[in-house]
Amino acid sequence: MKDKKGFTLIEVMIAASVLALGAVLIYEAFFIALDTFSYSEHYLDVAPLANERLWQAQENLTRLGHLGDLPTHGELTHGGKRYHWELSSLIQDEADSDKLFQVDLTFFWQEGRRKAKVTRSTLALYKEKE
């Protein structure tokens, strides 16, 4: 028998399959990273707006014991992106004339085909003045 140098067809097919699988995995990882980056970018846009809305709600609840005329839902456009938001407050504990409120604020936006959201929460204590 004569020694032949080179690769067999099966070896070439296996090598091509491994390379194709590697390329697909790299491609998938790249798009996951892009999606995460986009979500982080929008989260950083929303964070200051969420902090301000939470602060307003916390301030109203601490001073008045209710949200007052503060809107509980809405829509805004920031940086060319459209966001929807919802604000809610629940009494967590009530003792004598004091009330402890939990305030939740959720921002929603469309991220490609999926809906993304960020929820922030805080507490507010209302002490009735005697």
C-alpha atoms as a PDB file:
ATOM      1  CA  MET A   1       0.000   0.000   0.000  1.00  0.00           C
ATOM      2  CA  LYS A   2       1.066   3.398  -0.845  1.00  0.00           C
ATOM      3  CA  ASP A   3       0.982   6.161   1.840  1.00  0.00           C
ATOM      4  CA  LYS A   4      -1.295   8.967   0.712  1.00  0.00           C
ATOM      5  CA  LYS A   5      -0.863  12.380   2.226  1.00  0.00           C
ATOM      6  CA  GLY A   6      -3.886  14.609   2.760  1.00  0.00           C
ATOM      7  CA  PHE A   7      -7.228  14.606   4.487  1.00  0.00           C
ATOM      8  CA  THR A   8     -10.136  12.309   3.898  1.00  0.00           C
ATOM      9  CA  LEU A   9     -13.531  13.699   2.982  1.00  0.00           C
ATOM     10  CA  ILE A  10     -14.952  12.895   6.416  1.00  0.00           C
ATOM     11  CA  GLU A  11     -12.136  14.802   8.153  1.00  0.00           C
ATOM     12  CA  VAL A  12     -12.755  17.851   5.965  1.00  0.00           C
ATOM     13  CA  MET A  13     -16.516  17.697   6.644  1.00  0.00           C
ATOM     14  CA  ILE A  14     -15.985  17.451  10.419  1.00  0.00           C
ATOM     15  CA  ALA A  15     -13.532  20.370  10.375  1.00  0.00           C
ATOM     16  CA  ALA A  16     -15.980  22.480   8.334  1.00  0.00           C
ATOM     17  CA  SER A  17     -18.798  21.618  10.759  1.00  0.00           C
ATOM     18  CA  VAL A  18     -16.713  22.626  13.779  1.00  0.00           C
ATOM     19  CA  LEU A  19     -15.761  25.915  12.107  1.00  0.00           C
ATOM     20  CA  ALA A  20     -19.383  26.631  11.163  1.00  0.00           C
ATOM     21  CA  LEU A  21     -20.556  25.911  14.713  1.00  0.00           C
ATOM     22  CA  GLY A  22     -17.861  28.212  16.098  1.00  0.00           C
ATOM     23  CA  ALA A  23     -18.895  30.996  13.715  1.00  0.00           C
ATOM     24  CA  VAL A  24     -22.553  30.634  14.713  1.00  0.00           C
ATOM     25  CA  LEU A  25     -21.683  30.766  18.424  1.00  0.00           C
ATOM     26  CA  ILE A  26     -19.549  33.886  17.947  1.00  0.00           C
ATOM     27  CA  TYR A  27     -22.340  35.487  15.904  1.00  0.00           C
ATOM     28  CA  GLU A  28     -24.903  34.652  18.618  1.00  0.00           C
ATOM     29  CA  ALA A  29     -22.668  36.009  21.389  1.00  0.00           C
ATOM     30  CA  PHE A  30     -22.181  39.227  19.426  1.00  0.00           C
ATOM     31  CA  PHE A  31     -25.936  39.815  19.126  1.00  0.00           C
ATOM     32  CA  ILE A  32     -26.529  39.017  22.793  1.00  0.00           C
ATOM     33  CA  ALA A  33     -23.869  41.587  23.684  1.00  0.00           C
ATOM     34  CA  LEU A  34     -25.499  44.175  21.381  1.00  0.00           C
ATOM     35  CA  ASP A  35     -28.906  43.536  22.956  1.00  0.00           C
ATOM     36  CA  THR A  36     -27.465  43.896  26.458  1.00  0.00           C
ATOM     37  CA  PHE A  37     -25.686  47.097  25.482  1.00  0.00           C
ATOM     38  CA  SER A  38     -28.887  48.569  24.041  1.00  0.00           C
ATOM     39  CA  TYR A  39     -30.849  47.657  27.191  1.00  0.00           C
ATOM     40  CA  SER A  40     -28.152  49.218  29.384  1.00  0.00           C
ATOM     41  CA  GLU A  41     -28.163  52.384  27.302  1.00  0.00           C
ATOM     42  CA  HIS A  42     -31.930  52.797  27.718  1.00  0.00           C
ATOM     43  CA  TYR A  43     -31.705  51.920  31.407  1.00  0.00           C
ATOM     44  CA  LEU A  44     -29.168  54.729  31.877  1.00  0.00           C
ATOM     45  CA  ASP A  45     -31.541  57.112  30.058  1.00  0.00           C
ATOM     46  CA  VAL A  46     -34.446  56.122  32.310  1.00  0.00           C
ATOM     47  CA  ALA A  47     -32.615  56.023  35.673  1.00  0.00           C
ATOM     48  CA  PRO A  48     -32.513  59.809  36.341  1.00  0.00           C
ATOM     49  CA  LEU A  49     -36.143  60.197  35.242  1.00  0.00           C
ATOM     50  CA  ALA A  50     -37.181  57.331  37.512  1.00  0.00           C
ATOM     51  CA  ASN A  51     -35.246  58.767  40.446  1.00  0.00           C
ATOM     52  CA  GLU A  52     -36.941  62.140  40.045  1.00  0.00           C
ATOM     53  CA  ARG A  53     -40.448  60.662  39.796  1.00  0.00           C
ATOM     54  CA  LEU A  54     -39.806  58.470  42.838  1.00  0.00           C
ATOM     55  CA  TRP A  55     -38.472  61.432  44.772  1.00  0.00           C
ATOM     56  CA  GLN A  56     -41.599  63.484  43.916  1.00  0.00           C
ATOM     57  CA  ALA A  57     -43.892  60.642  44.999  1.00  0.00           C
ATOM     58  CA  GLN A  58     -41.922  60.051  48.189  1.00  0.00           C
ATOM     59  CA  GLU A  59     -42.003  63.776  48.992  1.00  0.00           C
ATOM     60  CA  ASN A  60     -45.783  64.014  48.464  1.00  0.00           C
ATOM     61  CA  LEU A  61     -46.471  60.907  50.533  1.00  0.00           C
ATOM     62  CA  THR A  62     -44.203  62.074  53.360  1.00  0.00           C
ATOM     63  CA  ARG A  63     -45.761  65.558  53.474  1.00  0.00           C
ATOM     64  CA  LEU A  64     -49.403  64.914  52.496  1.00  0.00           C
ATOM     65  CA  GLY A  65     -50.061  61.215  53.113  1.00  0.00           C
ATOM     66  CA  HIS A  66     -51.204  60.780  49.488  1.00  0.00           C
ATOM     67  CA  LEU A  67     -49.812  61.360  46.005  1.00  0.00           C
ATOM     68  CA  GLY A  68     -51.737  64.587  45.576  1.00  0.00           C
ATOM     69  CA  ASP A  69     -51.980  65.774  41.986  1.00  0.00           C
ATOM     70  CA  LEU A  70     -48.948  63.745  40.912  1.00  0.00           C
ATOM     71  CA  PRO A  71     -49.814  61.707  37.775  1.00  0.00           C
ATOM     72  CA  THR A  72     -49.729  57.915  38.196  1.00  0.00           C
ATOM     73  CA  HIS A  73     -49.018  56.994  34.578  1.00  0.00           C
ATOM     74  CA  GLY A  74     -47.809  58.603  31.427  1.00  0.00           C
ATOM     75  CA  GLU A  75     -45.708  58.537  28.326  1.00  0.00           C
ATOM     76  CA  LEU A  76     -42.566  60.433  27.432  1.00  0.00           C
ATOM     77  CA  THR A  77     -39.982  60.606  24.696  1.00  0.00           C
ATOM     78  CA  HIS A  78     -36.336  60.911  25.665  1.00  0.00           C
ATOM     79  CA  GLY A  79     -33.458  60.704  23.218  1.00  0.00           C
ATOM     80  CA  GLY A  80     -35.795  59.640  20.403  1.00  0.00           C
ATOM     81  CA  LYS A  81     -37.061  56.653  22.425  1.00  0.00           C
ATOM     82  CA  ARG A  82     -40.636  56.362  23.649  1.00  0.00           C
ATOM     83  CA  TYR A  83     -41.199  55.272  27.254  1.00  0.00           C
ATOM     84  CA  HIS A  84     -44.379  54.465  29.173  1.00  0.00           C
ATOM     85  CA  TRP A  85     -44.400  54.622  32.957  1.00  0.00           C
ATOM     86  CA  GLU A  86     -46.682  53.688  35.863  1.00  0.00           C
ATOM     87  CA  LEU A  87     -46.502  54.835  39.475  1.00  0.00           C
ATOM     88  CA  SER A  88     -48.269  53.092  42.349  1.00  0.00           C
ATOM     89  CA  SER A  89     -48.284  53.413  46.113  1.00  0.00           C
ATOM     90  CA  LEU A  90     -49.517  50.925  48.689  1.00  0.00           C
ATOM     91  CA  ILE A  91     -49.825  51.232  52.439  1.00  0.00           C
ATOM     92  CA  GLN A  92     -47.444  48.636  53.869  1.00  0.00           C
ATOM     93  CA  ASP A  93     -48.001  49.346  57.541  1.00  0.00           C
ATOM     94  CA  GLU A  94     -50.198  51.603  59.605  1.00  0.00           C
ATOM     95  CA  ALA A  95     -49.660  52.336  63.285  1.00  0.00           C
ATOM     96  CA  ASP A  96     -51.624  55.011  65.125  1.00  0.00           C
ATOM     97  CA  SER A  97     -51.522  57.969  62.761  1.00  0.00           C
ATOM     98  CA  ASP A  98     -48.331  56.924  60.937  1.00  0.00           C
ATOM     99  CA  LYS A  99     -48.399  55.236  57.538  1.00  0.00           C
ATOM    100  CA  LEU A 100     -45.607  53.437  55.722  1.00  0.00           C
ATOM    101  CA  PHE A 101     -46.024  53.467  51.942  1.00  0.00           C
ATOM    102  CA  GLN A 102     -44.274  51.379  49.316  1.00  0.00           C
ATOM    103  CA  VAL A 103     -43.878  53.319  46.079  1.00  0.00           C
ATOM    104  CA  ASP A 104     -43.260  51.411  42.826  1.00  0.00           C
ATOM    105  CA  LEU A 105     -42.363  53.016  39.515  1.00  0.00           C
ATOM    106  CA  THR A 106     -42.114  50.980  36.313  1.00  0.00           C
ATOM    107  CA  PHE A 107     -40.833  52.203  32.951  1.00  0.00           C
ATOM    108  CA  PHE A 108     -41.683  50.199  29.795  1.00  0.00           C
ATOM    109  CA  TRP A 109     -40.241  50.477  26.290  1.00  0.00           C
ATOM    110  CA  GLN A 110     -40.007  48.450  23.100  1.00  0.00           C
ATOM    111  CA  GLU A 111     -36.605  46.827  22.594  1.00  0.00           C
ATOM    112  CA  GLY A 112     -36.716  45.205  19.156  1.00  0.00           C
ATOM    113  CA  ARG A 113     -39.411  42.547  19.353  1.00  0.00           C
ATOM    114  CA  ARG A 114     -39.475  42.322  23.132  1.00  0.00           C
ATOM    115  CA  LYS A 115     -40.855  44.695  25.719  1.00  0.00           C
ATOM    116  CA  ALA A 116     -38.292  45.823  28.253  1.00  0.00           C
ATOM    117  CA  LYS A 117     -39.063  47.250  31.664  1.00  0.00           C
ATOM    118  CA  VAL A 118     -37.346  48.670  34.709  1.00  0.00           C
ATOM    119  CA  THR A 119     -38.995  48.791  38.126  1.00  0.00           C
ATOM    120  CA  ARG A 120     -37.768  50.939  40.989  1.00  0.00           C
ATOM    121  CA  SER A 121     -39.198  50.946  44.514  1.00  0.00           C
ATOM    122  CA  THR A 122     -38.844  53.041  47.628  1.00  0.00           C
ATOM    123  CA  LEU A 123     -40.544  53.578  50.971  1.00  0.00           C
ATOM    124  CA  ALA A 124     -42.162  56.733  52.341  1.00  0.00           C
ATOM    125  CA  LEU A 125     -43.225  57.376  55.932  1.00  0.00           C
ATOM    126  CA  TYR A 126     -46.097  59.743  56.655  1.00  0.00           C
ATOM    127  CA  LYS A 127     -46.324  61.027  60.212  1.00  0.00           C
ATOM    128  CA  GLU A 128     -49.491  62.904  60.985  1.00  0.00           C
ATOM    129  CA  LYS A 129     -48.795  66.192  62.712  1.00  0.00           C
ATOM    130  CA  GLU A 130     -50.415  66.536  66.085  1.00  0.00           C
END
